Amino acid sequence: MPLCLTPRIERIAQAVTGRSDSFFAADLAMCDDRLRGALRGKRVLVAGGAGSIGSATIMELLAYSPAAVAVLDPSENNLAELVRTVRSQDSAYDGEFLIQPLDYGSPLAAGWLAAQTAAHGPFDLVLSFAALKHVRSERDQFSLCRMLEVNLVKGDRFLATCRRQGHGQTGGIFLVSTDKAANPVSLMGASKRAMELLLWAHSQPGAPASLLDGGEAPPAAHITATRFANVAFSDGSLPWGFLQRLEKGQPLAAPGDVRRYLVSPREAGQLCLLAALCCPHRHLLVPTLIPERDLVTFTAIAEQTLGAFELTPVWCDDEAIARASVATECAAGRWPVLVTTSDTTGEKDIEEFVGKDEHPRSIAGLSSVQAIGASHVDIAAFSRFMHLIDDACTTGVPPAKDVLIAALAEVVPGLVHTETGRSLDSKM
C-alpha cells in the first residue's frame, strides 16, 4: 500500500550525504557580513525560482532581509507552493514578495520587468535557475531543440533584457550550472556548459546586448556561476522518484554502477548565495567535495531513503518480480529495489566539477569552494549556433539530431557524446 507520510526531505538528505551540518556552514558564517551588506534592503530578481534549487536559495536569502524578491517561473503550481512556504515559515518575511508565471526569455517577462523598472528602478541582484535539466530531454531532435531553446535562446534574451534595463548592475547576475557541464558526455551537460559560455559572452568587453538580436547595452558589473552536485530529492531527480514510488506503492529502481555527489536542498541554496555574492567577477564556483569521501551510490541512497520509512531494501534484478512483490514485502517491513546497469545515452559513471583545461583556485578565507575563471567565447561562432536553434524552434523543423550534436560540439569543444540506442524512458 502507498506510504502517505513523508519524513522531512532535509533530514533524509542529511542521512544520504552523511552530513548533519552544512558543508558550507563555516564559509557562510565567514561571509555573513558581506552577505548581509549585499542583500539587506536590496531588490532581488529570481528567474526559474520556483524549482527545487531556486526555492531553496530564496529561503536562504530571505534571512538576509532583502527589500523585495520577485520570482519568474512558468510553473504556477510551484509558484503557489513557494508562496505558501514563504508565508508559513516561522519567521515571516515582511518585505515585498512578487511572483509571475512567466517564461524568463519571453516578451511578456521583458515587458513586466520594464514596468517594474519604471516603478521601482532595476533589480539589484539577478539569480537565474531557469533551464531544462534532464538527460531525457535529448531523446530526439525535437526535445533537444526545446532544451537548447530554453537554456540558450531564452537565456540570451533574458540576459539582454537585464543588461538593457540595468538589472544586476549593482549586485550582479548569477547563473546555475551543473557538474555535468565539466567534460560533458550528455547533451544536457553540454547545453549547461554552453549556458556558462553564454554568460561569459555577455560579460566580454564589447559584447552585443543579445547574441541573437544585436544592439548595445553595458555588461553587468558582476557575473558569476556555480556548478554543483546533484541536489538530494530535487524535483524530477531519481531520489525524488524514490519518494514518488513509495507514495504510489511501486518498486524503486536504481543503477548499481553509478556514483554521484550530493548536497542537501539547504546546502544548494547556501552554495548559490556564496557563488552569487562571494565569488570573483567572471568566475564560477565549485565545491571542494572529494571522491573518496563524498561520492554516493544510488543503491546507498535507496537504502537510506527506505530506512527513513523504517523499511529495508530487497534487491531485485527482474522488473516483473519487483513490481509483483511490493505488497508482500511491504507487509514484512521491506521494499523491492530493482538494481540496473547504466547503459543509457549520456550517463557518466562518476561526476566531476573541473574540466580538462580548467584550473580552479582558492578564494581567500573559504575552504568549501574554489573558483574557475571564465573562458573566452567566439561570439560570432556562438551567435551562428544560436540562430540555428532559434530558426529551428521558430519554423518547427529542426535539423537531424546528429546535425544538432555536431553544431553543439563546435561551441562546446570538450563534448564527447556516444549514442547507445537506449534512453531512460525505456527503464523503470
Protein backbone atom coordinates (compact mmCIF):
# COMPACT_ATOMS: atom_id res chain seq x y z
CA MET A 1 0.00 0.00 0.00
CA PRO A 2 1.25 3.57 -0.67
CA LEU A 3 3.00 5.43 2.12
CA CYS A 4 1.46 8.85 2.65
CA LEU A 5 3.55 10.39 5.41
CA THR A 6 6.96 11.50 4.20
CA PRO A 7 9.82 12.31 6.63
CA ARG A 8 11.30 15.74 6.09
CA ILE A 9 13.40 15.73 2.95
CA GLU A 10 16.20 17.71 4.58
CA ARG A 11 16.53 15.02 7.27
CA ILE A 12 16.74 12.23 4.69
CA ALA A 13 19.22 14.31 2.67
CA GLN A 14 21.45 14.64 5.73
CA ALA A 15 21.41 10.87 6.17
CA VAL A 16 22.23 10.31 2.49
CA THR A 17 25.11 12.83 2.43
CA GLY A 18 26.39 11.76 5.84
CA ARG A 19 26.46 15.41 6.98
CA SER A 20 24.35 16.71 9.85
CA ASP A 21 25.92 20.17 9.45
CA SER A 22 26.06 22.02 6.15
CA PHE A 23 29.23 21.55 4.13
CA PHE A 24 29.21 25.32 3.57
CA ALA A 25 28.39 26.39 7.15
CA ALA A 26 31.86 27.71 8.05
CA ASP A 27 32.25 29.71 4.83
CA LEU A 28 28.71 31.06 5.14
CA ALA A 29 29.49 32.28 8.67
CA MET A 30 32.73 33.88 7.48
CA CYS A 31 30.84 35.71 4.72
CA ASP A 32 27.90 36.73 6.89
CA ASP A 33 28.68 40.46 6.97
CA ARG A 34 29.28 40.50 3.23
CA LEU A 35 26.03 38.66 2.50
CA ARG A 36 24.03 40.94 4.78
CA GLY A 37 25.53 44.03 3.20
CA ALA A 38 24.77 42.71 -0.29
CA LEU A 39 21.16 41.70 0.41
CA ARG A 40 19.70 43.85 3.17
CA GLY A 41 17.26 46.34 1.69
CA LYS A 42 18.01 45.23 -1.90
CA ARG A 43 15.68 44.13 -4.68
CA VAL A 44 16.31 40.60 -5.98
CA LEU A 45 15.03 39.03 -9.21
CA VAL A 46 14.94 35.21 -9.38
CA ALA A 47 14.29 33.54 -12.73
CA GLY A 48 13.17 29.91 -12.55
CA GLY A 49 12.88 30.42 -8.82
CA ALA A 50 10.03 28.02 -8.06
CA GLY A 51 12.04 24.85 -8.67
CA SER A 52 13.94 22.96 -6.01
CA ILE A 53 17.25 24.86 -6.17
CA GLY A 54 15.70 28.27 -6.77
CA SER A 55 13.22 27.95 -3.93
CA ALA A 56 15.91 26.64 -1.58
CA THR A 57 18.06 29.67 -2.43
CA ILE A 58 15.14 32.02 -1.89
CA MET A 59 14.50 30.57 1.57
CA GLU A 60 18.16 31.16 2.44
CA LEU A 61 18.34 34.73 1.13
CA LEU A 62 15.14 35.84 2.90
CA ALA A 63 17.04 35.58 6.18
CA TYR A 64 19.24 38.49 4.98
CA SER A 65 16.26 40.89 4.76
CA PRO A 66 16.05 41.96 1.10
CA ALA A 67 13.51 44.69 0.45
CA ALA A 68 11.84 42.76 -2.38
CA VAL A 69 12.08 39.38 -4.07
CA ALA A 70 10.46 38.81 -7.47
CA VAL A 71 10.16 35.31 -8.91
CA LEU A 72 9.58 34.40 -12.55
CA ASP A 73 8.64 30.78 -13.27
CA PRO A 74 6.22 29.21 -15.77
CA SER A 75 5.09 26.61 -13.20
CA GLU A 76 2.09 28.15 -11.47
CA ASN A 77 1.77 25.16 -9.14
CA ASN A 78 5.33 25.50 -7.91
CA LEU A 79 4.87 29.26 -7.55
CA ALA A 80 1.79 28.72 -5.39
CA GLU A 81 3.67 26.27 -3.19
CA LEU A 82 6.61 28.67 -2.90
CA VAL A 83 4.32 31.45 -1.68
CA ARG A 84 2.73 29.10 0.87
CA THR A 85 6.19 28.09 2.10
CA VAL A 86 7.38 31.69 2.42
CA ARG A 87 4.20 32.81 4.20
CA SER A 88 4.16 29.80 6.54
CA GLN A 89 7.73 29.85 7.79
CA ASP A 90 8.44 30.51 11.48
CA SER A 91 9.82 33.96 10.87
CA ALA A 92 7.51 35.55 8.30
CA TYR A 93 9.18 37.62 5.59
CA ASP A 94 7.85 41.17 5.75
CA GLY A 95 9.33 42.51 2.51
CA GLU A 96 7.69 42.58 -0.90
CA PHE A 97 7.30 39.12 -2.45
CA LEU A 98 6.21 39.09 -6.09
CA ILE A 99 5.51 36.10 -8.33
CA GLN A 100 4.78 35.93 -12.03
CA PRO A 101 4.07 32.72 -14.04
CA LEU A 102 6.24 33.98 -16.90
CA ASP A 103 8.84 32.35 -19.13
CA TYR A 104 12.06 34.21 -18.35
CA GLY A 105 13.00 34.74 -22.00
CA SER A 106 9.59 35.84 -23.24
CA PRO A 107 8.44 39.30 -24.38
CA LEU A 108 5.92 39.27 -21.52
CA ALA A 109 8.72 38.83 -18.98
CA ALA A 110 10.66 41.68 -20.60
CA GLY A 111 7.54 43.85 -20.50
CA TRP A 112 6.83 43.07 -16.86
CA LEU A 113 10.43 43.81 -15.92
CA ALA A 114 10.25 47.12 -17.81
CA ALA A 115 7.17 48.07 -15.78
CA GLN A 116 8.95 47.16 -12.55
CA THR A 117 11.96 49.21 -13.59
CA ALA A 118 9.78 52.23 -14.36
CA ALA A 119 8.08 51.98 -10.97
CA HIS A 120 10.97 51.00 -8.67
CA GLY A 121 14.21 51.06 -10.65
CA PRO A 122 16.21 48.00 -11.77
CA PHE A 123 16.62 44.93 -9.59
CA ASP A 124 19.96 44.99 -7.75
CA LEU A 125 20.70 41.26 -7.98
CA VAL A 126 19.62 38.71 -10.59
CA LEU A 127 19.68 34.97 -9.90
CA SER A 128 18.81 32.61 -12.75
CA PHE A 129 17.85 28.97 -12.22
CA ALA A 130 15.82 28.66 -15.42
CA ALA A 131 16.79 25.63 -17.52
CA LEU A 132 15.79 22.19 -18.68
CA LYS A 133 17.99 19.81 -16.75
CA HIS A 134 17.10 16.23 -17.69
CA VAL A 135 19.22 13.95 -19.83
CA ARG A 136 15.83 12.65 -21.01
CA SER A 137 15.39 15.92 -22.91
CA GLU A 138 17.94 14.83 -25.52
CA ARG A 139 15.83 11.88 -26.75
CA ASP A 140 15.38 13.29 -30.30
CA GLN A 141 15.86 16.47 -32.34
CA PHE A 142 12.57 17.99 -31.15
CA SER A 143 13.19 17.61 -27.42
CA LEU A 144 16.86 18.55 -27.88
CA CYS A 145 15.89 21.76 -29.70
CA ARG A 146 13.45 22.58 -26.91
CA MET A 147 16.21 22.14 -24.32
CA LEU A 148 18.61 24.33 -26.29
CA GLU A 149 15.89 26.93 -26.81
CA VAL A 150 15.13 27.18 -23.08
CA ASN A 151 18.72 27.02 -21.90
CA LEU A 152 20.32 29.25 -24.56
CA VAL A 153 17.92 31.18 -26.82
CA LYS A 154 15.69 32.28 -23.97
CA GLY A 155 18.72 32.71 -21.73
CA ASP A 156 20.25 35.12 -24.25
CA ARG A 157 17.08 37.19 -24.44
CA PHE A 158 16.75 37.27 -20.66
CA LEU A 159 20.35 38.43 -20.24
CA ALA A 160 19.79 41.03 -22.95
CA THR A 161 16.72 42.32 -21.12
CA CYS A 162 18.66 42.54 -17.87
CA ARG A 163 21.53 44.44 -19.49
CA ARG A 164 19.29 46.85 -21.40
CA GLN A 165 17.15 47.64 -18.36
CA GLY A 166 20.05 47.76 -15.89
CA HIS A 167 19.13 44.76 -13.74
CA GLY A 168 22.11 43.39 -11.84
CA GLN A 169 24.28 46.49 -12.32
CA THR A 170 24.69 46.98 -8.56
CA GLY A 171 24.60 43.41 -7.25
CA GLY A 172 25.43 41.21 -10.23
CA ILE A 173 23.95 38.41 -12.32
CA PHE A 174 24.31 34.78 -11.26
CA LEU A 175 23.60 31.56 -13.19
CA VAL A 176 23.26 27.97 -12.01
CA SER A 177 25.11 25.33 -13.98
CA THR A 178 25.84 21.68 -13.15
CA ASP A 179 28.71 19.29 -12.58
CA LYS A 180 27.64 17.61 -15.84
CA ALA A 181 28.99 20.69 -17.67
CA ALA A 182 32.56 19.61 -16.84
CA ASN A 183 33.90 17.33 -19.58
CA PRO A 184 30.34 16.75 -20.80
CA VAL A 185 29.18 13.44 -22.24
CA SER A 186 25.45 14.19 -22.25
CA LEU A 187 23.85 16.80 -24.49
CA MET A 188 22.15 18.21 -21.42
CA GLY A 189 25.55 18.70 -19.78
CA ALA A 190 26.86 20.29 -22.98
CA SER A 191 23.87 22.64 -23.03
CA LYS A 192 24.69 23.74 -19.48
CA ARG A 193 28.34 24.26 -20.46
CA ALA A 194 27.03 26.36 -23.35
CA MET A 195 24.94 28.33 -20.82
CA GLU A 196 28.15 29.13 -18.93
CA LEU A 197 29.76 30.28 -22.17
CA LEU A 198 26.70 32.40 -22.97
CA LEU A 199 27.09 34.11 -19.61
CA TRP A 200 30.79 34.75 -20.25
CA ALA A 201 29.97 36.08 -23.73
CA HIS A 202 27.54 38.62 -22.27
CA SER A 203 30.26 39.84 -19.91
CA GLN A 204 33.02 40.20 -22.50
CA PRO A 205 34.01 43.77 -23.41
CA GLY A 206 32.14 44.95 -26.48
CA ALA A 207 29.61 42.11 -26.43
CA PRO A 208 26.29 42.89 -28.16
CA ALA A 209 23.24 43.20 -25.95
CA SER A 210 21.95 39.97 -27.50
CA LEU A 211 23.85 37.32 -29.43
CA LEU A 212 20.66 36.80 -31.43
CA ASP A 213 19.30 40.29 -31.89
CA GLY A 214 22.38 42.52 -31.53
CA GLY A 215 22.12 46.00 -30.05
CA GLU A 216 24.12 47.75 -27.40
CA ALA A 217 23.99 47.53 -23.62
CA PRO A 218 26.53 47.77 -20.83
CA PRO A 219 27.82 44.49 -19.40
CA ALA A 220 26.72 43.63 -15.88
CA ALA A 221 29.13 44.74 -13.19
CA HIS A 222 29.47 41.29 -11.62
CA ILE A 223 28.89 37.94 -13.38
CA THR A 224 29.21 34.56 -11.63
CA ALA A 225 28.00 30.97 -11.85
CA THR A 226 28.27 27.70 -9.96
CA ARG A 227 28.50 24.04 -10.75
CA PHE A 228 27.45 21.71 -8.03
CA ALA A 229 26.40 18.21 -7.18
CA ASN A 230 23.02 16.57 -7.50
CA VAL A 231 20.58 18.13 -5.06
CA ALA A 232 19.13 15.33 -2.99
CA PHE A 233 15.41 14.89 -3.67
CA SER A 234 15.15 17.86 -6.03
CA ASP A 235 12.10 17.78 -8.31
CA GLY A 236 12.42 15.13 -11.01
CA SER A 237 15.65 13.62 -9.67
CA LEU A 238 16.00 9.88 -9.10
CA PRO A 239 15.91 10.23 -5.27
CA TRP A 240 12.76 12.37 -5.64
CA GLY A 241 11.45 9.49 -7.76
CA PHE A 242 12.09 7.15 -4.81
CA LEU A 243 9.63 9.18 -2.72
CA GLN A 244 7.10 9.12 -5.56
CA ARG A 245 7.43 5.34 -5.92
CA LEU A 246 6.83 4.86 -2.20
CA GLU A 247 3.81 7.14 -2.29
CA LYS A 248 2.38 5.22 -5.26
CA GLY A 249 3.16 1.75 -3.95
CA GLN A 250 5.71 0.95 -6.67
CA PRO A 251 9.20 -0.61 -6.54
CA LEU A 252 12.29 1.58 -6.52
CA ALA A 253 14.85 1.30 -9.30
CA ALA A 254 18.49 2.39 -9.05
CA PRO A 255 21.63 1.91 -11.17
CA GLY A 256 24.13 -0.15 -9.22
CA ASP A 257 27.20 1.15 -11.04
CA VAL A 258 26.77 4.93 -10.72
CA ARG A 259 28.09 7.25 -8.02
CA ARG A 260 27.10 10.87 -7.54
CA TYR A 261 28.00 13.84 -5.38
CA LEU A 262 25.01 15.01 -3.35
CA VAL A 263 24.15 18.17 -1.47
CA SER A 264 21.02 18.76 0.56
CA PRO A 265 18.47 21.35 -0.61
CA ARG A 266 19.65 23.78 2.05
CA GLU A 267 23.30 23.29 1.06
CA ALA A 268 22.34 24.00 -2.55
CA GLY A 269 20.79 27.33 -1.56
CA GLN A 270 23.82 28.27 0.51
CA LEU A 271 26.24 27.44 -2.30
CA CYS A 272 24.25 29.63 -4.67
CA LEU A 273 24.45 32.59 -2.28
CA LEU A 274 28.22 32.13 -1.89
CA ALA A 275 28.62 31.93 -5.66
CA ALA A 276 26.41 34.93 -6.38
CA LEU A 277 27.89 37.26 -3.78
CA CYS A 278 31.34 35.99 -2.71
CA CYS A 279 32.78 34.70 -5.99
CA PRO A 280 35.09 36.91 -8.09
CA HIS A 281 33.72 38.52 -11.25
CA ARG A 282 33.69 36.22 -14.32
CA HIS A 283 34.31 33.09 -12.25
CA LEU A 284 32.24 30.07 -11.40
CA LEU A 285 32.30 28.38 -8.04
CA VAL A 286 32.71 24.64 -7.47
CA PRO A 287 32.55 22.82 -4.13
CA THR A 288 35.61 21.02 -2.81
CA LEU A 289 33.86 17.69 -2.44
CA ILE A 290 36.24 14.77 -2.89
CA PRO A 291 35.56 11.35 -4.45
CA GLU A 292 36.83 9.13 -1.63
CA ARG A 293 34.65 10.82 0.96
CA ASP A 294 31.66 12.28 -0.82
CA LEU A 295 30.63 10.12 -3.79
CA VAL A 296 27.50 8.11 -3.02
CA THR A 297 25.94 5.18 -4.90
CA PHE A 298 22.28 5.28 -5.85
CA THR A 299 21.77 1.95 -4.11
CA ALA A 300 23.03 3.53 -0.87
CA ILE A 301 20.62 6.45 -1.43
CA ALA A 302 17.77 3.99 -1.91
CA GLU A 303 18.72 2.16 1.29
CA GLN A 304 18.90 5.38 3.32
CA THR A 305 15.57 6.58 1.89
CA LEU A 306 13.85 3.33 2.80
CA GLY A 307 15.43 3.50 6.25
CA ALA A 308 13.68 6.82 6.86
CA PHE A 309 10.40 4.92 6.44
CA GLU A 310 11.61 2.04 8.64
CA LEU A 311 11.87 -0.24 5.63
CA THR A 312 14.75 -2.41 4.44
CA PRO A 313 15.55 -2.98 0.76
CA VAL A 314 15.04 -6.23 -1.08
CA TRP A 315 17.42 -6.14 -4.05
CA CYS A 316 15.97 -7.41 -7.34
CA ASP A 317 17.28 -7.87 -10.87
CA ASP A 318 13.93 -8.58 -12.55
CA GLU A 319 11.34 -5.85 -13.23
CA ALA A 320 8.34 -8.17 -13.13
CA ILE A 321 9.34 -9.69 -9.78
CA ALA A 322 9.99 -6.22 -8.33
CA ARG A 323 6.57 -4.96 -9.46
CA ALA A 324 4.70 -8.02 -8.20
CA SER A 325 6.30 -8.18 -4.75
CA VAL A 326 5.56 -4.70 -3.36
CA ALA A 327 2.51 -5.61 -1.24
CA THR A 328 4.05 -8.80 0.16
CA GLU A 329 7.38 -7.18 1.01
CA CYS A 330 5.77 -4.06 2.47
CA ALA A 331 3.75 -6.20 4.89
CA ALA A 332 7.07 -7.59 6.17
CA GLY A 333 8.72 -4.17 6.53
CA ARG A 334 10.69 -4.47 3.28
CA TRP A 335 10.56 -2.84 -0.16
CA PRO A 336 11.75 -4.14 -3.55
CA VAL A 337 14.55 -2.23 -5.30
CA LEU A 338 15.40 -3.08 -8.89
CA VAL A 339 19.17 -2.75 -9.42
CA THR A 340 20.08 -1.87 -13.02
CA THR A 341 23.16 -1.01 -15.05
CA SER A 342 23.77 2.42 -16.62
CA ASP A 343 23.60 1.61 -20.31
CA THR A 344 21.63 4.66 -21.47
CA THR A 345 22.90 7.56 -23.57
CA GLY A 346 24.56 10.42 -21.73
CA GLU A 347 25.35 8.73 -18.42
CA LYS A 348 28.63 9.21 -16.53
CA ASP A 349 29.88 6.66 -14.00
CA ILE A 350 31.40 9.36 -11.78
CA GLU A 351 30.69 13.08 -11.77
CA GLU A 352 33.38 15.79 -11.70
CA PHE A 353 33.43 19.55 -11.26
CA VAL A 354 36.50 20.65 -13.22
CA GLY A 355 37.03 20.42 -16.98
CA LYS A 356 40.29 19.21 -18.56
CA ASP A 357 41.61 22.68 -19.39
CA GLU A 358 40.30 24.44 -16.27
CA HIS A 359 42.38 25.49 -13.30
CA PRO A 360 40.49 26.06 -10.03
CA ARG A 361 41.96 28.40 -7.47
CA SER A 362 41.28 29.03 -3.83
CA ILE A 363 39.40 32.06 -2.56
CA ALA A 364 40.96 33.70 0.47
CA GLY A 365 39.29 32.58 3.67
CA LEU A 366 36.98 30.00 2.09
CA SER A 367 37.56 26.26 2.41
CA SER A 368 34.46 24.62 0.91
CA VAL A 369 34.69 26.14 -2.58
CA GLN A 370 37.12 27.01 -5.38
CA ALA A 371 36.79 29.38 -8.33
CA ILE A 372 37.31 28.71 -12.05
CA GLY A 373 37.90 31.65 -14.38
CA ALA A 374 35.72 32.42 -17.40
CA SER A 375 36.58 31.10 -20.84
CA HIS A 376 36.92 33.39 -23.85
CA VAL A 377 33.97 32.98 -26.23
CA ASP A 378 33.97 33.37 -30.02
CA ILE A 379 30.81 35.46 -30.11
CA ALA A 380 30.36 35.23 -33.88
CA ALA A 381 30.50 31.41 -33.86
CA PHE A 382 28.26 31.19 -30.83
CA SER A 383 25.78 33.56 -32.44
CA ARG A 384 25.58 31.35 -35.55
CA PHE A 385 24.76 28.36 -33.37
CA MET A 386 22.09 30.33 -31.53
CA HIS A 387 20.46 31.35 -34.81
CA LEU A 388 20.40 27.70 -35.91
CA ILE A 389 18.44 26.78 -32.78
CA ASP A 390 16.17 29.82 -32.92
CA ASP A 391 15.31 29.17 -36.57
CA ALA A 392 14.54 25.51 -35.83
CA CYS A 393 12.22 26.41 -32.98
CA THR A 394 10.53 29.21 -34.93
CA THR A 395 9.85 27.06 -38.01
CA GLY A 396 9.15 23.85 -36.11
CA VAL A 397 11.52 21.99 -38.43
CA PRO A 398 14.69 21.12 -36.50
CA PRO A 399 17.76 19.61 -38.19
CA ALA A 400 18.51 15.94 -37.63
CA LYS A 401 19.84 15.10 -34.20
CA ASP A 402 23.35 14.34 -35.46
CA VAL A 403 23.47 17.77 -37.13
CA LEU A 404 22.50 19.42 -33.83
CA ILE A 405 25.12 17.42 -31.95
CA ALA A 406 27.83 18.45 -34.41
CA ALA A 407 26.79 22.11 -34.13
CA LEU A 408 26.78 21.92 -30.33
CA ALA A 409 30.24 20.32 -30.34
CA GLU A 410 31.59 23.31 -32.28
CA VAL A 411 30.73 25.67 -29.42
CA VAL A 412 31.45 23.13 -26.65
CA PRO A 413 34.75 21.56 -27.80
CA GLY A 414 35.00 19.21 -24.80
CA LEU A 415 31.81 17.35 -25.72
CA VAL A 416 32.38 13.59 -26.04
CA HIS A 417 28.97 12.10 -26.76
CA THR A 418 28.08 8.50 -27.61
CA GLU A 419 24.63 7.28 -28.62
CA THR A 420 23.94 3.88 -27.01
CA GLY A 421 20.48 3.47 -28.51
CA ARG A 422 18.90 3.25 -25.04
CA SER A 423 17.04 6.01 -23.21
CA LEU A 424 16.00 6.46 -19.60
CA ASP A 425 12.42 6.46 -20.90
CA SER A 426 12.77 2.70 -21.50
CA LYS A 427 13.58 1.99 -17.84
CA MET A 428 11.62 2.00 -14.57
